[in-house]
Amino acid sequence: MGEELKQATFSRAQRRDYRRKVQLCLDVFETMLTQSSFDFEKPLTGMEIECNLVDADYQPAMNNSEVLEAIADPAYQTELGAYNIEFNVPPRRLPGRAALELEDDVRASLNAAEAKASTDGAHIVMIGILPTLMPEHLSGSWMSQSTRYQALNDSIFTARGEDIMIDITGPERLSLQAATIAPESACTSMQLHLQVSPADFANNWNAAQVLAGPQLALGANSPFFLGHQLWAETRIELFAQATDTRPDELKTQGVRPRVWFGERWITSIFDLFEENVRYFPSLLPELSDEDPVAELADGRTPLLSELRLHNGTIYRWNRPVYDVVEQDGVGRPHLRVENRVLPAGPTVLDMMANSAFYYGTLRALSEEDRPLWTKMSFAAAEANFRHAARHGMDARLYWPGLGEVTPDELVLRELLPLADEGLRRWEVAAEVRDRYLGVIEGRAKTGRNGAAWQAATVSALQDRGMSRPDALAEMLRRYCEGMHTNAPVHSWELPR
């Protein structure tokens, strides 16, 4: 959710000054893209994993502050909900066997965090939406203690002027009104970062947009919310609705949503930041003391704090990131594509496989002589994304040269070979490619991702006579068992 704020309320003058400062930052950023030296020669990848906390009965545990105190590791931080925490995985390079070492390190860190969390009666779950979350958990003290979260909640409702309507169709329709952004806290994801050069950013972002549909069909893991079976990846539609600052009149006028796939292919990272400034009013207009023009003129790297803060309140599924890292007392700027498509879980192995598939396919697609995005409309890529979110492995996706295909056919025929070739170009070891792409192949052949396993398990348990709440809790218990084995979800057994 970003860095903490100093205040939760803002005056009209602050909003006016912030708008001017954001525009100034944008101008400086445009200059930097032509004049500055960005880090990208040895690109790093990064991962963030948002997790849920449950008690011994697999119900939400609203004690993240106590759990974080027990974990006592700066890699773990609060998230929006009091039952959420986030694990920030240190950046790594891709070549060689680095991914296997990363898998071991992530498992070791999560296991250590789980052991410490259990002393407070909590257990960590990696899943897109916690299936035992119910309306009563999203009232009262549902929010983490944070000035930023409170300011975000207040700003969204000030902009909207009315309660938020959550209305999601699916096998079982859910319709409710929300007086806070509490439903957003249900959405826990895995974010993947890739450091790129200014010249290569557009190709990587466009490729990530093309890949978003197949990526989500493979990785869907959020079929239940508030006891209802909805989309394969309900998190996509729920997040969009839960943060929507637009009443119906503004939607009708074509005002863009804060959670946004986008509307066009780009030619530069500047296109995205410029759209952010042009289309979206500020939600958190906190001003810094930095003069970005003076910083750049003096040979230093400006932080562009206002532009970065504004960018952090626009939730693109593939988000542009500008950041500065201190090295030997000197600020070095870099650019990243932040992929926000995937849910958390089910296992560390599944998430590592999702990561390898993404990084490999992205590399191959972004370097094609005639890129795929020159052969398909942006609207087709967005339609793929929404169909994948709704139907998972049962979606129908459009692909240039193939027409309408199922995700398994697309993955097995087209994307797995591309992923393998892309990982080769990253100089990833053969044993790494085999391990992780083998998981993707198994998932495609069985058609069983996390969402499919969850839905099938709950259905089987209800067929035995369990109530829906009991079936969800028992499914989650079995899910946690599978999660701790680190066996890929497509190999998990279903109730007989």
Protein backbone atom coordinates (compact mmCIF):
# COMPACT_ATOMS: atom_id res chain seq x y z
CA MET A 1 0.00 0.00 0.00
CA GLY A 2 3.05 2.30 0.00
CA GLU A 3 4.77 4.49 2.56
CA GLU A 4 3.04 5.96 5.60
CA LEU A 5 1.56 9.47 5.46
CA LYS A 6 1.97 12.27 7.96
CA GLN A 7 -1.68 13.33 7.85
CA ALA A 8 -5.07 11.92 6.94
CA THR A 9 -6.91 15.09 5.91
CA PHE A 10 -5.93 17.69 3.32
CA SER A 11 -6.99 21.27 2.59
CA ARG A 12 -8.07 22.66 -0.76
CA ALA A 13 -4.81 24.60 -0.95
CA GLN A 14 -2.82 21.40 -0.41
CA ARG A 15 -4.71 19.70 -3.22
CA ARG A 16 -4.07 22.64 -5.55
CA ASP A 17 -0.36 22.75 -4.70
CA TYR A 18 -0.07 18.99 -5.03
CA ARG A 19 -1.56 19.06 -8.53
CA ARG A 20 1.02 21.64 -9.58
CA LYS A 21 3.83 19.63 -7.99
CA VAL A 22 2.75 16.43 -9.73
CA GLN A 23 2.82 18.23 -13.07
CA LEU A 24 6.27 19.61 -12.26
CA CYS A 25 7.49 16.11 -11.40
CA LEU A 26 6.09 14.82 -14.69
CA ASP A 27 8.00 17.49 -16.60
CA VAL A 28 11.22 16.59 -14.78
CA PHE A 29 10.62 12.88 -15.43
CA GLU A 30 10.24 13.59 -19.16
CA THR A 31 13.60 15.38 -19.10
CA MET A 32 15.22 12.50 -17.19
CA LEU A 33 14.08 9.96 -19.78
CA THR A 34 16.25 11.73 -22.36
CA GLN A 35 19.13 12.89 -20.17
CA SER A 36 19.57 10.59 -17.16
CA SER A 37 21.33 7.26 -16.77
CA PHE A 38 18.95 4.59 -15.51
CA ASP A 39 20.08 1.30 -13.95
CA PHE A 40 19.23 -1.69 -16.13
CA GLU A 41 22.48 -3.40 -17.20
CA LYS A 42 22.00 -6.17 -14.62
CA PRO A 43 18.23 -6.18 -14.21
CA LEU A 44 16.73 -7.34 -10.95
CA THR A 45 13.42 -9.07 -10.38
CA GLY A 46 11.31 -8.60 -7.26
CA MET A 47 8.31 -10.25 -5.61
CA GLU A 48 5.73 -9.17 -3.04
CA ILE A 49 3.35 -11.70 -1.51
CA GLU A 50 0.23 -10.56 0.33
CA CYS A 51 -0.99 -13.10 2.87
CA ASN A 52 -3.99 -13.67 5.12
CA LEU A 53 -4.07 -14.58 8.80
CA VAL A 54 -6.46 -17.19 10.22
CA ASP A 55 -7.10 -18.65 13.65
CA ALA A 56 -7.27 -22.30 14.65
CA ASP A 57 -10.77 -22.59 13.15
CA TYR A 58 -9.58 -21.09 9.83
CA GLN A 59 -11.52 -17.88 10.43
CA PRO A 60 -9.89 -14.46 9.83
CA ALA A 61 -7.49 -13.47 12.63
CA MET A 62 -7.63 -9.69 13.12
CA ASN A 63 -4.27 -9.34 14.86
CA ASN A 64 -1.66 -8.46 12.26
CA SER A 65 0.03 -5.90 14.52
CA GLU A 66 0.72 -8.57 17.17
CA VAL A 67 1.79 -11.07 14.51
CA LEU A 68 4.19 -8.59 12.91
CA GLU A 69 5.65 -7.79 16.31
CA ALA A 70 6.24 -11.50 16.88
CA ILE A 71 7.77 -12.00 13.41
CA ALA A 72 10.04 -8.96 13.93
CA ASP A 73 11.33 -8.95 10.37
CA PRO A 74 11.24 -5.75 8.27
CA ALA A 75 10.47 -7.86 5.19
CA TYR A 76 6.97 -8.34 6.66
CA GLN A 77 4.65 -5.34 6.81
CA THR A 78 1.01 -4.45 7.32
CA GLU A 79 -1.55 -4.50 4.55
CA LEU A 80 -4.96 -2.84 4.41
CA GLY A 81 -6.89 -5.38 6.49
CA ALA A 82 -6.08 -6.29 10.09
CA TYR A 83 -6.03 -9.92 8.88
CA ASN A 84 -3.44 -9.17 6.12
CA ILE A 85 0.35 -9.00 6.05
CA GLU A 86 2.76 -8.53 3.15
CA PHE A 87 6.07 -10.26 2.56
CA ASN A 88 8.57 -8.27 0.47
CA VAL A 89 11.05 -10.66 -1.12
CA PRO A 90 14.54 -9.16 -1.65
CA PRO A 91 15.30 -8.49 -5.36
CA ARG A 92 17.25 -11.11 -7.29
CA ARG A 93 18.72 -11.63 -10.71
CA LEU A 94 17.34 -14.42 -12.90
CA PRO A 95 20.35 -16.25 -14.41
CA GLY A 96 21.58 -19.67 -13.34
CA ARG A 97 20.00 -21.44 -10.37
CA ALA A 98 18.95 -18.22 -8.60
CA ALA A 99 15.26 -19.15 -8.72
CA LEU A 100 15.82 -22.44 -6.86
CA GLU A 101 17.72 -20.58 -4.16
CA LEU A 102 14.92 -18.01 -4.03
CA GLU A 103 12.30 -20.75 -3.63
CA ASP A 104 14.22 -22.20 -0.69
CA ASP A 105 14.67 -18.75 0.88
CA VAL A 106 10.99 -17.81 0.50
CA ARG A 107 9.85 -21.09 2.01
CA ALA A 108 12.29 -20.76 4.90
CA SER A 109 11.20 -17.19 5.61
CA LEU A 110 7.49 -18.00 5.46
CA ASN A 111 7.94 -21.08 7.65
CA ALA A 112 9.83 -19.02 10.23
CA ALA A 113 7.12 -16.34 10.11
CA GLU A 114 4.44 -19.01 10.49
CA ALA A 115 6.15 -20.43 13.58
CA LYS A 116 6.29 -16.99 15.19
CA ALA A 117 2.74 -16.07 14.14
CA SER A 118 1.43 -19.26 15.76
CA THR A 119 2.54 -17.97 19.15
CA ASP A 120 -0.24 -15.38 18.76
CA GLY A 121 -2.73 -18.03 17.64
CA ALA A 122 -2.51 -17.05 13.97
CA HIS A 123 -1.55 -18.94 10.83
CA ILE A 124 -0.43 -17.55 7.47
CA VAL A 125 -2.39 -18.42 4.32
CA MET A 126 -1.41 -17.54 0.75
CA ILE A 127 -4.67 -17.35 -1.22
CA GLY A 128 -6.34 -14.81 -3.50
CA ILE A 129 -9.40 -14.26 -1.29
CA LEU A 130 -9.84 -15.81 2.13
CA PRO A 131 -12.88 -18.09 1.64
CA THR A 132 -14.01 -17.94 5.27
CA LEU A 133 -14.20 -14.13 5.22
CA MET A 134 -17.79 -13.05 5.97
CA PRO A 135 -19.59 -9.66 6.21
CA GLU A 136 -19.12 -9.44 9.97
CA HIS A 137 -15.34 -9.48 9.49
CA LEU A 138 -15.51 -6.34 7.32
CA SER A 139 -17.06 -4.11 9.96
CA GLY A 140 -15.73 -2.67 13.19
CA SER A 141 -11.95 -2.90 13.56
CA TRP A 142 -11.24 -4.45 10.17
CA MET A 143 -8.57 -1.92 9.08
CA SER A 144 -4.87 -1.94 9.99
CA GLN A 145 -3.79 1.02 12.10
CA SER A 146 -2.39 3.40 9.50
CA THR A 147 -2.82 7.05 8.58
CA ARG A 148 -2.40 6.11 4.92
CA TYR A 149 -5.20 3.54 4.94
CA GLN A 150 -7.61 5.87 6.72
CA ALA A 151 -6.76 8.71 4.34
CA LEU A 152 -7.25 6.43 1.34
CA ASN A 153 -10.64 5.29 2.62
CA ASP A 154 -11.79 8.83 3.33
CA SER A 155 -10.53 10.18 -0.01
CA ILE A 156 -12.28 7.49 -2.05
CA PHE A 157 -15.61 8.13 -0.36
CA THR A 158 -15.21 11.91 -0.53
CA ALA A 159 -14.60 11.61 -4.27
CA ARG A 160 -17.49 9.19 -4.72
CA GLY A 161 -20.02 10.88 -2.47
CA GLU A 162 -21.98 7.70 -1.74
CA ASP A 163 -21.60 4.09 -0.63
CA ILE A 164 -19.89 1.62 -2.96
CA MET A 165 -22.06 -0.98 -4.64
CA ILE A 166 -20.46 -4.41 -4.96
CA ASP A 167 -22.36 -6.40 -7.58
CA ILE A 168 -20.65 -9.49 -9.01
CA THR A 169 -22.41 -12.13 -11.07
CA GLY A 170 -21.25 -15.71 -11.41
CA PRO A 171 -22.58 -19.12 -10.42
CA GLU A 172 -23.98 -17.27 -7.37
CA ARG A 173 -24.57 -13.53 -7.63
CA LEU A 174 -23.39 -11.26 -4.81
CA SER A 175 -24.81 -7.78 -4.31
CA LEU A 176 -24.12 -5.52 -1.32
CA GLN A 177 -23.38 -1.93 -0.38
CA ALA A 178 -20.15 -0.98 1.37
CA ALA A 179 -19.62 2.15 3.47
CA THR A 180 -15.82 1.61 3.56
CA ILE A 181 -13.16 0.12 1.30
CA ALA A 182 -13.12 -2.99 3.52
CA PRO A 183 -13.95 -5.32 0.58
CA GLU A 184 -10.67 -4.26 -1.04
CA SER A 185 -8.77 -5.82 1.87
CA ALA A 186 -10.03 -9.24 0.78
CA CYS A 187 -7.89 -9.09 -2.37
CA THR A 188 -4.44 -10.56 -1.73
CA SER A 189 -2.03 -10.81 -4.63
CA MET A 190 1.49 -11.62 -5.72
CA GLN A 191 3.28 -8.76 -7.44
CA LEU A 192 6.17 -9.36 -9.80
CA HIS A 193 8.70 -6.64 -10.64
CA LEU A 194 11.11 -6.44 -13.56
CA GLN A 195 13.71 -3.73 -13.96
CA VAL A 196 13.92 -2.48 -17.56
CA SER A 197 15.59 0.28 -19.57
CA PRO A 198 13.62 3.32 -20.76
CA ALA A 199 14.02 2.12 -24.36
CA ASP A 200 12.65 -1.35 -23.59
CA PHE A 201 9.85 -0.35 -21.21
CA ALA A 202 7.07 0.01 -23.79
CA ASN A 203 7.71 -3.40 -25.36
CA ASN A 204 7.76 -5.07 -21.94
CA TRP A 205 4.57 -3.34 -20.77
CA ASN A 206 2.73 -4.12 -24.01
CA ALA A 207 3.87 -7.75 -23.80
CA ALA A 208 2.70 -7.93 -20.17
CA GLN A 209 -0.72 -6.68 -21.24
CA VAL A 210 -0.91 -9.33 -23.98
CA LEU A 211 0.11 -12.00 -21.48
CA ALA A 212 -2.29 -10.91 -18.70
CA GLY A 213 -5.21 -13.06 -19.91
CA PRO A 214 -3.36 -16.38 -20.24
CA GLN A 215 -1.38 -15.60 -17.06
CA LEU A 216 -4.58 -15.13 -15.07
CA ALA A 217 -6.37 -18.16 -16.55
CA LEU A 218 -3.48 -20.34 -15.37
CA GLY A 219 -3.13 -18.74 -11.94
CA ALA A 220 -6.71 -18.02 -10.82
CA ASN A 221 -7.16 -18.71 -7.10
CA SER A 222 -10.11 -16.63 -5.82
CA PRO A 223 -13.48 -18.28 -6.51
CA PHE A 224 -15.24 -17.42 -3.23
CA PHE A 225 -16.12 -14.15 -1.51
CA LEU A 226 -18.47 -13.75 1.46
CA GLY A 227 -19.66 -17.32 1.04
CA HIS A 228 -20.60 -16.92 -2.64
CA GLN A 229 -18.98 -18.70 -5.58
CA LEU A 230 -18.32 -15.95 -8.12
CA TRP A 231 -15.51 -15.65 -10.71
CA ALA A 232 -12.49 -17.96 -11.00
CA GLU A 233 -10.47 -14.88 -10.02
CA THR A 234 -13.09 -12.81 -8.17
CA ARG A 235 -10.28 -10.60 -6.88
CA ILE A 236 -10.09 -8.78 -10.24
CA GLU A 237 -13.69 -7.54 -10.26
CA LEU A 238 -13.90 -7.09 -6.49
CA PHE A 239 -10.80 -4.87 -6.39
CA ALA A 240 -12.11 -2.78 -9.27
CA GLN A 241 -15.48 -2.20 -7.63
CA ALA A 242 -14.19 -1.72 -4.08
CA THR A 243 -11.94 1.21 -5.05
CA ASP A 244 -14.19 2.88 -7.62
CA THR A 245 -14.37 6.62 -6.98
CA ARG A 246 -17.02 7.11 -9.70
CA PRO A 247 -20.75 7.34 -9.09
CA ASP A 248 -22.89 6.10 -11.98
CA GLU A 249 -23.02 9.52 -13.64
CA LEU A 250 -19.24 9.71 -14.00
CA LYS A 251 -19.10 6.14 -15.32
CA THR A 252 -21.62 7.12 -17.98
CA GLN A 253 -19.47 10.12 -18.92
CA GLY A 254 -16.49 7.83 -19.56
CA VAL A 255 -14.37 8.79 -16.53
CA ARG A 256 -11.63 6.18 -16.11
CA PRO A 257 -11.66 3.79 -13.12
CA ARG A 258 -8.81 3.79 -10.56
CA VAL A 259 -8.36 0.06 -11.19
CA TRP A 260 -7.53 0.04 -14.85
CA PHE A 261 -6.35 -2.28 -17.57
CA GLY A 262 -5.62 0.74 -19.76
CA GLU A 263 -6.94 1.67 -23.20
CA ARG A 264 -4.05 1.57 -25.70
CA TRP A 265 -0.66 0.16 -26.54
CA ILE A 266 2.14 2.54 -25.57
CA THR A 267 5.39 3.79 -27.12
CA SER A 268 7.03 5.03 -23.89
CA ILE A 269 6.70 4.76 -20.13
CA PHE A 270 5.93 8.47 -20.25
CA ASP A 271 2.58 7.65 -21.89
CA LEU A 272 1.41 5.92 -18.70
CA PHE A 273 2.56 8.56 -16.24
CA GLU A 274 1.10 11.28 -18.45
CA GLU A 275 -2.26 9.47 -18.54
CA ASN A 276 -2.16 9.15 -14.75
CA VAL A 277 -1.72 12.89 -14.35
CA ARG A 278 -4.25 13.83 -17.03
CA TYR A 279 -7.10 11.50 -16.06
CA PHE A 280 -6.92 11.02 -12.29
CA PRO A 281 -7.36 13.55 -9.46
CA SER A 282 -5.22 13.03 -6.39
CA LEU A 283 -6.36 10.83 -3.53
CA LEU A 284 -3.45 11.40 -1.12
CA PRO A 285 -2.08 14.91 -1.85
CA GLU A 286 0.82 14.95 0.60
CA LEU A 287 3.60 17.37 -0.39
CA SER A 288 7.33 16.82 0.01
CA ASP A 289 10.02 19.50 0.44
CA GLU A 290 11.92 18.42 -2.68
CA ASP A 291 12.42 20.80 -5.60
CA PRO A 292 12.84 18.26 -8.43
CA VAL A 293 14.03 20.90 -10.91
CA ALA A 294 16.81 22.03 -8.57
CA GLU A 295 17.79 18.45 -7.73
CA LEU A 296 18.21 17.56 -11.39
CA ALA A 297 20.04 20.81 -12.17
CA ASP A 298 22.51 20.11 -9.36
CA GLY A 299 23.31 16.67 -10.74
CA ARG A 300 21.33 14.72 -8.16
CA THR A 301 18.52 12.24 -8.77
CA PRO A 302 15.12 13.64 -7.78
CA LEU A 303 12.81 11.32 -5.86
CA LEU A 304 9.70 12.72 -7.63
CA SER A 305 7.77 11.86 -4.46
CA GLU A 306 4.46 13.40 -5.56
CA LEU A 307 4.47 11.63 -8.92
CA ARG A 308 5.30 8.31 -7.25
CA LEU A 309 2.61 8.77 -4.58
CA HIS A 310 0.03 9.62 -7.24
CA ASN A 311 1.07 6.61 -9.33
CA GLY A 312 0.59 4.40 -6.27
CA THR A 313 -3.13 5.29 -6.10
CA ILE A 314 -3.84 4.25 -9.70
CA TYR A 315 -4.11 0.49 -9.77
CA ARG A 316 -3.09 -0.61 -13.24
CA TRP A 317 -2.79 -4.39 -13.53
CA ASN A 318 0.62 -3.74 -15.08
CA ARG A 319 1.87 -0.62 -13.36
CA PRO A 320 4.84 1.58 -14.32
CA VAL A 321 7.27 2.23 -11.46
CA TYR A 322 9.95 4.90 -11.10
CA ASP A 323 12.21 4.39 -8.10
CA VAL A 324 15.55 5.56 -6.72
CA VAL A 325 18.04 3.34 -4.88
CA GLU A 326 20.96 4.72 -2.90
CA GLN A 327 24.33 3.23 -3.91
CA ASP A 328 27.47 4.56 -2.21
CA GLY A 329 25.62 7.72 -1.27
CA VAL A 330 24.41 8.35 -4.84
CA GLY A 331 20.79 7.99 -5.89
CA ARG A 332 20.45 5.70 -8.93
CA PRO A 333 17.10 5.83 -10.77
CA HIS A 334 15.49 2.81 -12.36
CA LEU A 335 12.24 1.81 -14.03
CA ARG A 336 10.16 -1.31 -13.39
CA VAL A 337 7.13 -3.06 -14.78
CA GLU A 338 5.05 -4.14 -11.77
CA ASN A 339 2.82 -7.08 -12.68
CA ARG A 340 -0.22 -7.11 -10.36
CA VAL A 341 -2.30 -9.71 -12.20
CA LEU A 342 -1.80 -12.81 -10.06
CA PRO A 343 -3.34 -13.84 -6.73
CA ALA A 344 -1.22 -15.16 -3.90
CA GLY A 345 -0.72 -18.92 -3.56
CA PRO A 346 -1.46 -21.74 -3.54
CA THR A 347 2.14 -22.85 -2.80
CA VAL A 348 5.57 -21.28 -3.05
CA LEU A 349 6.28 -23.71 -5.89
CA ASP A 350 3.15 -22.63 -7.75
CA MET A 351 4.09 -18.97 -7.34
CA MET A 352 7.65 -19.62 -8.51
CA ALA A 353 6.25 -21.45 -11.54
CA ASN A 354 3.93 -18.52 -12.26
CA SER A 355 6.92 -16.19 -12.00
CA ALA A 356 9.13 -18.24 -14.32
CA PHE A 357 6.32 -18.50 -16.87
CA TYR A 358 5.78 -14.74 -16.73
CA TYR A 359 9.44 -13.68 -16.95
CA GLY A 360 10.24 -16.17 -19.69
CA THR A 361 7.23 -15.48 -21.88
CA LEU A 362 7.58 -11.73 -21.34
CA ARG A 363 11.18 -11.81 -22.55
CA ALA A 364 10.29 -13.75 -25.70
CA LEU A 365 7.20 -11.69 -26.54
CA SER A 366 8.92 -8.33 -25.96
CA GLU A 367 11.78 -9.21 -28.31
CA GLU A 368 9.77 -10.51 -31.28
CA ASP A 369 10.50 -8.83 -34.61
CA ARG A 370 6.80 -8.38 -35.26
CA PRO A 371 5.26 -8.08 -31.80
CA LEU A 372 1.91 -9.67 -31.03
CA TRP A 373 0.39 -6.32 -30.07
CA THR A 374 0.76 -5.23 -33.69
CA LYS A 375 -1.52 -8.14 -34.66
CA MET A 376 -4.30 -7.75 -32.09
CA SER A 377 -6.37 -4.89 -30.76
CA PHE A 378 -5.94 -3.59 -27.23
CA ALA A 379 -9.64 -4.36 -26.69
CA ALA A 380 -8.95 -8.03 -27.48
CA ALA A 381 -6.22 -8.16 -24.84
CA GLU A 382 -8.58 -6.62 -22.27
CA ALA A 383 -11.37 -9.04 -23.24
CA ASN A 384 -8.96 -11.95 -22.73
CA PHE A 385 -8.11 -10.60 -19.28
CA ARG A 386 -11.75 -10.34 -18.21
CA HIS A 387 -12.73 -13.72 -19.66
CA ALA A 388 -9.80 -15.34 -17.87
CA ALA A 389 -10.75 -13.68 -14.58
CA ARG A 390 -14.32 -14.86 -14.90
CA HIS A 391 -13.81 -18.39 -16.23
CA GLY A 392 -10.21 -19.38 -15.45
CA MET A 393 -9.17 -22.48 -17.35
CA ASP A 394 -12.64 -22.64 -18.95
CA ALA A 395 -12.18 -19.27 -20.66
CA ARG A 396 -12.02 -18.74 -24.41
CA LEU A 397 -9.15 -16.46 -25.41
CA TYR A 398 -8.32 -14.79 -28.72
CA TRP A 399 -4.77 -15.23 -30.02
CA PRO A 400 -3.33 -13.99 -33.32
CA GLY A 401 -2.83 -16.89 -35.74
CA LEU A 402 -4.97 -19.25 -33.66
CA GLY A 403 -8.27 -17.44 -33.31
CA GLU A 404 -10.33 -18.42 -30.26
CA VAL A 405 -8.61 -21.04 -28.10
CA THR A 406 -8.79 -22.52 -24.63
CA PRO A 407 -6.04 -21.56 -22.14
CA ASP A 408 -4.64 -25.10 -22.05
CA GLU A 409 -4.29 -25.22 -25.84
CA LEU A 410 -2.71 -21.77 -25.93
CA VAL A 411 -0.24 -22.58 -23.15
CA LEU A 412 0.79 -25.99 -24.45
CA ARG A 413 1.02 -25.03 -28.14
CA GLU A 414 2.36 -21.49 -28.01
CA LEU A 415 3.34 -20.09 -24.65
CA LEU A 416 5.35 -22.85 -22.97
CA PRO A 417 7.91 -22.95 -25.82
CA LEU A 418 8.10 -19.14 -25.66
CA ALA A 419 8.59 -19.25 -21.89
CA ASP A 420 11.39 -21.78 -22.23
CA GLU A 421 13.10 -19.70 -24.92
CA GLY A 422 12.73 -16.52 -22.87
CA LEU A 423 14.26 -18.15 -19.79
CA ARG A 424 17.13 -19.41 -21.97
CA ARG A 425 17.75 -15.81 -22.98
CA TRP A 426 17.81 -14.90 -19.29
CA GLU A 427 20.47 -17.65 -18.94
CA VAL A 428 18.30 -19.59 -16.51
CA ALA A 429 19.61 -23.10 -15.83
CA ALA A 430 17.90 -26.03 -17.54
CA GLU A 431 16.93 -27.66 -14.22
CA VAL A 432 15.15 -24.44 -13.20
CA ARG A 433 13.26 -24.25 -16.48
CA ASP A 434 12.26 -27.90 -16.22
CA ARG A 435 11.06 -27.63 -12.63
CA TYR A 436 8.88 -24.56 -12.99
CA LEU A 437 7.62 -24.91 -16.54
CA GLY A 438 6.82 -28.54 -15.70
CA VAL A 439 4.38 -27.23 -13.09
CA ILE A 440 2.75 -24.94 -15.68
CA GLU A 441 2.49 -27.85 -18.11
CA GLY A 442 0.87 -30.05 -15.46
CA ARG A 443 -1.61 -27.32 -14.57
CA ALA A 444 -2.53 -26.80 -18.22
CA LYS A 445 -2.97 -30.52 -18.91
CA THR A 446 -5.15 -31.13 -15.84
CA GLY A 447 -7.03 -27.84 -16.05
CA ARG A 448 -6.69 -27.58 -12.28
CA ASN A 449 -5.51 -24.28 -10.86
CA GLY A 450 -6.21 -23.06 -7.33
CA ALA A 451 -9.69 -21.81 -8.21
CA ALA A 452 -10.69 -25.11 -9.81
CA TRP A 453 -9.42 -27.09 -6.81
CA GLN A 454 -11.22 -24.85 -4.33
CA ALA A 455 -14.54 -24.97 -6.18
CA ALA A 456 -14.41 -28.74 -6.73
CA THR A 457 -13.48 -29.40 -3.10
CA VAL A 458 -16.30 -27.25 -1.69
CA SER A 459 -18.79 -28.89 -4.07
CA ALA A 460 -17.68 -32.38 -3.01
CA LEU A 461 -17.89 -31.50 0.69
CA GLN A 462 -21.36 -30.05 0.29
CA ASP A 463 -22.42 -33.20 -1.56
CA ARG A 464 -21.48 -35.02 1.66
CA GLY A 465 -23.99 -32.88 3.54
CA MET A 466 -21.80 -30.06 4.84
CA SER A 467 -23.17 -26.54 5.02
CA ARG A 468 -21.46 -23.94 2.86
CA PRO A 469 -19.64 -22.24 5.80
CA ASP A 470 -18.42 -25.60 7.12
CA ALA A 471 -17.38 -26.71 3.63
CA LEU A 472 -15.41 -23.50 3.13
CA ALA A 473 -13.60 -23.92 6.45
CA GLU A 474 -12.82 -27.59 5.76
CA MET A 475 -11.64 -26.73 2.24
CA LEU A 476 -9.36 -24.07 3.70
CA ARG A 477 -7.97 -26.56 6.21
CA ARG A 478 -7.10 -28.94 3.37
CA TYR A 479 -5.76 -26.03 1.33
CA CYS A 480 -3.37 -25.11 4.15
CA GLU A 481 -2.18 -28.71 4.35
CA GLY A 482 -1.46 -28.69 0.63
CA MET A 483 0.19 -25.27 0.88
CA HIS A 484 2.67 -26.56 3.47
CA THR A 485 3.59 -29.64 1.41
CA ASN A 486 4.71 -27.34 -1.44
CA ALA A 487 3.27 -29.85 -3.91
CA PRO A 488 1.78 -28.01 -6.92
CA VAL A 489 -1.97 -27.49 -6.72
CA HIS A 490 -2.71 -29.52 -9.84
CA SER A 491 -1.49 -32.60 -7.95
CA TRP A 492 -3.70 -32.07 -4.88
CA GLU A 493 -6.34 -34.71 -4.26
CA LEU A 494 -10.05 -33.96 -4.22
CA PRO A 495 -12.48 -35.38 -1.62
CA ARG A 496 -13.91 -38.75 -2.63
